[in-house]
Amino acid sequence: MRWEKPFDYIEKVYHENYLFLRNFLIGLTKNENVAEDILQDLFTRILFNPENIFKVTYTRSWLLTCAKNAFLDYHKKKKSVLLNDEELIEQLLIEPTSTEKEVLVNHQLETLLNTLDPIDKAIILAKEYYGYSYLEMEHLFNLTTPNLKSKVFRIKKRLVKMEVKK
C-alpha cells in the first residue's frame, strides 16, 4: 500500500504496535526505561528510512525482528548485564502479592535466563512467555520451524541441566 503521507502511516503503525513492542522489549530487558529507549531508537530508524516500511508484507513480524535487532544492538553497545540481582530482589520484595516461594522461583528463573545468550533468551521468551507459534517465530528469527523446535528443546535441556547443577 502506498501512502501519500508516509509519516502519518508510520505514526499509525507506532500507535497500533507500541504496547505490544514495549511489552516484548520489557520481557527481554526487564527494564521499562531501557525498553522505551530501544523502542524510540527503533522508530527513529524507521523515520529516517520510511521507504523500508512499505516493502514489508507482515508489519508486526517485521517490527518484532527490528525490535529484536535493536535490542541486540543496544546490548552490544552497553555490554552490561541486563538484570541486576539486587534490583530483582528489591522489586520482588516490594511486590505485595508475591509469596516467598514465587519470589524464589522467579529469582531462579531470572538467574537461569540471564545465563543464555540474547538470541536464545529471546527465542525461549517468545515461545514460552509470549506464546508465539513456531510459524510466527519463523518470521521473527528467520529460522525454520524444525530449527526453532530444536533450539527450544536444547535451550530447555540446558536450563534444566544448569538448575540440577545448583
C-alpha atoms as a PDB file:
ATOM      1  CA  MET A   1       0.000   0.000   0.000  1.00  0.00           C
ATOM      2  CA  ARG A   2       1.435   3.347  -0.984  1.00  0.00           C
ATOM      3  CA  TRP A   3       0.626   6.195   1.362  1.00  0.00           C
ATOM      4  CA  GLU A   4       0.535   9.839   0.371  1.00  0.00           C
ATOM      5  CA  LYS A   5       1.968  10.809   3.755  1.00  0.00           C
ATOM      6  CA  PRO A   6       4.477   8.186   4.948  1.00  0.00           C
ATOM      7  CA  PHE A   7       4.934   9.788   8.360  1.00  0.00           C
ATOM      8  CA  ASP A   8       1.180   9.520   9.030  1.00  0.00           C
ATOM      9  CA  TYR A   9       1.405   5.821   8.215  1.00  0.00           C
ATOM     10  CA  ILE A  10       4.434   5.361  10.489  1.00  0.00           C
ATOM     11  CA  GLU A  11       2.590   7.151  13.283  1.00  0.00           C
ATOM     12  CA  LYS A  12      -0.391   4.812  12.782  1.00  0.00           C
ATOM     13  CA  VAL A  13       1.900   1.762  12.905  1.00  0.00           C
ATOM     14  CA  TYR A  14       3.567   3.169  16.026  1.00  0.00           C
ATOM     15  CA  HIS A  15       0.280   3.604  17.870  1.00  0.00           C
ATOM     16  CA  GLU A  16      -1.045   0.191  16.806  1.00  0.00           C
ATOM     17  CA  ASN A  17       2.091  -1.686  17.893  1.00  0.00           C
ATOM     18  CA  TYR A  18       3.533   0.408  20.715  1.00  0.00           C
ATOM     19  CA  LEU A  19       2.238  -1.623  23.691  1.00  0.00           C
ATOM     20  CA  PHE A  20       2.958  -4.934  22.019  1.00  0.00           C
ATOM     21  CA  LEU A  21       6.562  -3.983  21.201  1.00  0.00           C
ATOM     22  CA  ARG A  22       7.080  -2.322  24.578  1.00  0.00           C
ATOM     23  CA  ASN A  23       5.961  -5.467  26.422  1.00  0.00           C
ATOM     24  CA  PHE A  24       8.146  -7.620  24.186  1.00  0.00           C
ATOM     25  CA  LEU A  25      11.188  -5.451  24.946  1.00  0.00           C
ATOM     26  CA  ILE A  26      10.416  -5.295  28.665  1.00  0.00           C
ATOM     27  CA  GLY A  27      10.358  -9.087  28.603  1.00  0.00           C
ATOM     28  CA  LEU A  28      13.844  -9.084  27.127  1.00  0.00           C
ATOM     29  CA  THR A  29      15.384  -6.248  29.123  1.00  0.00           C
ATOM     30  CA  LYS A  30      13.426  -6.412  32.390  1.00  0.00           C
ATOM     31  CA  ASN A  31      13.733  -2.634  32.470  1.00  0.00           C
ATOM     32  CA  GLU A  32      10.972  -0.269  31.328  1.00  0.00           C
ATOM     33  CA  ASN A  33      13.349   2.640  30.682  1.00  0.00           C
ATOM     34  CA  VAL A  34      15.685   0.558  28.535  1.00  0.00           C
ATOM     35  CA  ALA A  35      12.706  -0.882  26.642  1.00  0.00           C
ATOM     36  CA  GLU A  36      11.438   2.658  25.988  1.00  0.00           C
ATOM     37  CA  ASP A  37      14.879   3.757  24.798  1.00  0.00           C
ATOM     38  CA  ILE A  38      15.147   0.819  22.410  1.00  0.00           C
ATOM     39  CA  LEU A  39      11.622   1.416  21.113  1.00  0.00           C
ATOM     40  CA  GLN A  40      12.321   5.103  20.497  1.00  0.00           C
ATOM     41  CA  ASP A  41      15.570   4.220  18.735  1.00  0.00           C
ATOM     42  CA  LEU A  42      13.717   1.694  16.576  1.00  0.00           C
ATOM     43  CA  PHE A  43      11.116   4.181  15.404  1.00  0.00           C
ATOM     44  CA  THR A  44      13.751   6.863  14.903  1.00  0.00           C
ATOM     45  CA  ARG A  45      15.490   4.495  12.491  1.00  0.00           C
ATOM     46  CA  ILE A  46      12.182   3.872  10.718  1.00  0.00           C
ATOM     47  CA  LEU A  47      11.573   7.613  10.411  1.00  0.00           C
ATOM     48  CA  PHE A  48      14.990   8.114   8.822  1.00  0.00           C
ATOM     49  CA  ASN A  49      14.225   5.407   6.224  1.00  0.00           C
ATOM     50  CA  PRO A  50      10.423   5.455   5.801  1.00  0.00           C
ATOM     51  CA  GLU A  51      10.538   3.604   2.476  1.00  0.00           C
ATOM     52  CA  ASN A  52      11.527   0.376   4.273  1.00  0.00           C
ATOM     53  CA  ILE A  53       8.164   0.003   5.986  1.00  0.00           C
ATOM     54  CA  PHE A  54       6.346  -0.008   2.647  1.00  0.00           C
ATOM     55  CA  LYS A  55       8.335  -3.030   1.439  1.00  0.00           C
ATOM     56  CA  VAL A  56       7.016  -5.179   4.293  1.00  0.00           C
ATOM     57  CA  THR A  57       4.218  -7.724   3.974  1.00  0.00           C
ATOM     58  CA  TYR A  58       3.821  -8.636   7.664  1.00  0.00           C
ATOM     59  CA  THR A  59       4.308  -5.416   9.595  1.00  0.00           C
ATOM     60  CA  ARG A  60       4.131  -6.863  13.116  1.00  0.00           C
ATOM     61  CA  SER A  61       6.633  -9.640  12.380  1.00  0.00           C
ATOM     62  CA  TRP A  62       8.936  -7.128  10.732  1.00  0.00           C
ATOM     63  CA  LEU A  63       8.663  -4.796  13.732  1.00  0.00           C
ATOM     64  CA  LEU A  64       9.453  -7.680  16.100  1.00  0.00           C
ATOM     65  CA  THR A  65      12.533  -8.537  14.072  1.00  0.00           C
ATOM     66  CA  CYS A  66      13.570  -4.878  14.118  1.00  0.00           C
ATOM     67  CA  ALA A  67      12.931  -4.677  17.877  1.00  0.00           C
ATOM     68  CA  LYS A  68      14.991  -7.824  18.447  1.00  0.00           C
ATOM     69  CA  ASN A  69      17.839  -6.378  16.367  1.00  0.00           C
ATOM     70  CA  ALA A  70      17.609  -3.032  18.164  1.00  0.00           C
ATOM     71  CA  PHE A  71      17.761  -4.923  21.481  1.00  0.00           C
ATOM     72  CA  LEU A  72      20.878  -6.796  20.306  1.00  0.00           C
ATOM     73  CA  ASP A  73      22.462  -3.543  19.120  1.00  0.00           C
ATOM     74  CA  TYR A  74      21.742  -1.919  22.468  1.00  0.00           C
ATOM     75  CA  HIS A  75      23.147  -4.917  24.311  1.00  0.00           C
ATOM     76  CA  LYS A  76      26.318  -4.868  22.202  1.00  0.00           C
ATOM     77  CA  LYS A  77      26.786  -1.140  22.802  1.00  0.00           C
ATOM     78  CA  LYS A  78      26.250  -1.268  26.530  1.00  0.00           C
ATOM     79  CA  LYS A  79      27.799  -4.696  27.183  1.00  0.00           C
ATOM     80  CA  SER A  80      26.119  -4.639  30.538  1.00  0.00           C
ATOM     81  CA  VAL A  81      24.194  -7.181  32.500  1.00  0.00           C
ATOM     82  CA  LEU A  82      20.525  -6.934  31.582  1.00  0.00           C
ATOM     83  CA  LEU A  83      19.292  -7.587  35.063  1.00  0.00           C
ATOM     84  CA  ASN A  84      20.968  -6.737  38.315  1.00  0.00           C
ATOM     85  CA  ASP A  85      20.183  -9.276  41.069  1.00  0.00           C
ATOM     86  CA  GLU A  86      19.820  -6.532  43.681  1.00  0.00           C
ATOM     87  CA  GLU A  87      17.204  -4.791  41.552  1.00  0.00           C
ATOM     88  CA  LEU A  88      15.326  -8.049  41.085  1.00  0.00           C
ATOM     89  CA  ILE A  89      15.306  -8.858  44.795  1.00  0.00           C
ATOM     90  CA  GLU A  90      14.192  -5.330  45.656  1.00  0.00           C
ATOM     91  CA  GLN A  91      11.425  -5.421  43.055  1.00  0.00           C
ATOM     92  CA  LEU A  92      10.176  -8.823  44.175  1.00  0.00           C
ATOM     93  CA  LEU A  93      10.232  -7.904  47.853  1.00  0.00           C
ATOM     94  CA  ILE A  94       8.220  -4.729  47.230  1.00  0.00           C
ATOM     95  CA  GLU A  95       5.566  -6.606  45.254  1.00  0.00           C
ATOM     96  CA  PRO A  96       2.891  -7.388  47.882  1.00  0.00           C
ATOM     97  CA  THR A  97       1.186 -10.257  46.020  1.00  0.00           C
ATOM     98  CA  SER A  98       4.288 -12.442  45.751  1.00  0.00           C
ATOM     99  CA  THR A  99       4.637 -15.319  48.120  1.00  0.00           C
ATOM    100  CA  GLU A 100       8.069 -16.355  49.318  1.00  0.00           C
ATOM    101  CA  LYS A 101       8.013 -19.383  47.016  1.00  0.00           C
ATOM    102  CA  GLU A 102       7.104 -17.246  43.976  1.00  0.00           C
ATOM    103  CA  VAL A 103       9.939 -14.858  44.774  1.00  0.00           C
ATOM    104  CA  LEU A 104      12.443 -17.719  44.943  1.00  0.00           C
ATOM    105  CA  VAL A 105      11.165 -19.339  41.739  1.00  0.00           C
ATOM    106  CA  ASN A 106      11.175 -16.002  39.885  1.00  0.00           C
ATOM    107  CA  HIS A 107      14.698 -15.273  41.072  1.00  0.00           C
ATOM    108  CA  GLN A 108      15.942 -18.707  39.994  1.00  0.00           C
ATOM    109  CA  LEU A 109      14.218 -18.352  36.630  1.00  0.00           C
ATOM    110  CA  GLU A 110      15.706 -14.900  36.044  1.00  0.00           C
ATOM    111  CA  THR A 111      19.156 -16.144  37.019  1.00  0.00           C
ATOM    112  CA  LEU A 112      18.890 -19.058  34.583  1.00  0.00           C
ATOM    113  CA  LEU A 113      17.551 -16.889  31.745  1.00  0.00           C
ATOM    114  CA  ASN A 114      20.381 -14.419  32.197  1.00  0.00           C
ATOM    115  CA  THR A 115      22.902 -17.186  31.545  1.00  0.00           C
ATOM    116  CA  LEU A 116      21.559 -17.533  27.990  1.00  0.00           C
ATOM    117  CA  ASP A 117      22.863 -15.521  25.086  1.00  0.00           C
ATOM    118  CA  PRO A 118      20.406 -12.822  23.910  1.00  0.00           C
ATOM    119  CA  ILE A 119      19.104 -14.775  20.890  1.00  0.00           C
ATOM    120  CA  ASP A 120      18.385 -17.931  22.921  1.00  0.00           C
ATOM    121  CA  LYS A 121      16.750 -15.812  25.615  1.00  0.00           C
ATOM    122  CA  ALA A 122      14.568 -14.097  23.006  1.00  0.00           C
ATOM    123  CA  ILE A 123      13.574 -17.457  21.468  1.00  0.00           C
ATOM    124  CA  ILE A 124      12.597 -19.088  24.763  1.00  0.00           C
ATOM    125  CA  LEU A 125      10.718 -15.995  25.941  1.00  0.00           C
ATOM    126  CA  ALA A 126       8.868 -15.693  22.629  1.00  0.00           C
ATOM    127  CA  LYS A 127       7.787 -19.337  22.795  1.00  0.00           C
ATOM    128  CA  GLU A 128       7.142 -19.914  26.490  1.00  0.00           C
ATOM    129  CA  TYR A 129       6.320 -16.476  27.909  1.00  0.00           C
ATOM    130  CA  TYR A 130       4.640 -14.704  24.990  1.00  0.00           C
ATOM    131  CA  GLY A 131       3.138 -17.850  23.463  1.00  0.00           C
ATOM    132  CA  TYR A 132       4.222 -17.332  19.876  1.00  0.00           C
ATOM    133  CA  SER A 133       3.616 -20.167  17.455  1.00  0.00           C
ATOM    134  CA  TYR A 134       6.559 -21.609  15.570  1.00  0.00           C
ATOM    135  CA  LEU A 135       5.184 -20.066  12.372  1.00  0.00           C
ATOM    136  CA  GLU A 136       5.232 -16.591  13.938  1.00  0.00           C
ATOM    137  CA  MET A 137       8.707 -17.244  15.294  1.00  0.00           C
ATOM    138  CA  GLU A 138       9.934 -18.225  11.813  1.00  0.00           C
ATOM    139  CA  HIS A 139       9.330 -14.654  10.655  1.00  0.00           C
ATOM    140  CA  LEU A 140      10.772 -13.184  13.822  1.00  0.00           C
ATOM    141  CA  PHE A 141      14.041 -15.123  13.930  1.00  0.00           C
ATOM    142  CA  ASN A 142      14.453 -16.092  10.252  1.00  0.00           C
ATOM    143  CA  LEU A 143      14.709 -19.777  11.189  1.00  0.00           C
ATOM    144  CA  THR A 144      12.702 -22.766  10.012  1.00  0.00           C
ATOM    145  CA  THR A 145      10.201 -24.495  12.313  1.00  0.00           C
ATOM    146  CA  PRO A 146      12.379 -27.613  12.723  1.00  0.00           C
ATOM    147  CA  ASN A 147      15.364 -25.414  13.654  1.00  0.00           C
ATOM    148  CA  LEU A 148      13.261 -23.477  16.141  1.00  0.00           C
ATOM    149  CA  LYS A 149      11.898 -26.660  17.705  1.00  0.00           C
ATOM    150  CA  SER A 150      15.445 -27.989  18.095  1.00  0.00           C
ATOM    151  CA  LYS A 151      16.645 -24.724  19.605  1.00  0.00           C
ATOM    152  CA  VAL A 152      13.744 -24.578  22.080  1.00  0.00           C
ATOM    153  CA  PHE A 153      14.377 -28.188  23.085  1.00  0.00           C
ATOM    154  CA  ARG A 154      18.119 -27.599  23.527  1.00  0.00           C
ATOM    155  CA  ILE A 155      17.569 -24.388  25.480  1.00  0.00           C
ATOM    156  CA  LYS A 156      15.140 -26.117  27.838  1.00  0.00           C
ATOM    157  CA  LYS A 157      17.542 -29.036  28.243  1.00  0.00           C
ATOM    158  CA  ARG A 158      20.414 -26.639  29.006  1.00  0.00           C
ATOM    159  CA  LEU A 159      18.286 -24.756  31.556  1.00  0.00           C
ATOM    160  CA  VAL A 160      17.329 -27.996  33.296  1.00  0.00           C
ATOM    161  CA  LYS A 161      20.987 -29.105  33.443  1.00  0.00           C
ATOM    162  CA  MET A 162      22.011 -25.766  34.910  1.00  0.00           C
ATOM    163  CA  GLU A 163      19.280 -25.983  37.530  1.00  0.00           C
ATOM    164  CA  VAL A 164      20.304 -29.530  38.514  1.00  0.00           C
ATOM    165  CA  LYS A 165      23.941 -28.420  38.955  1.00  0.00           C
ATOM    166  CA  LYS A 166      22.920 -25.860  41.576  1.00  0.00           C
END
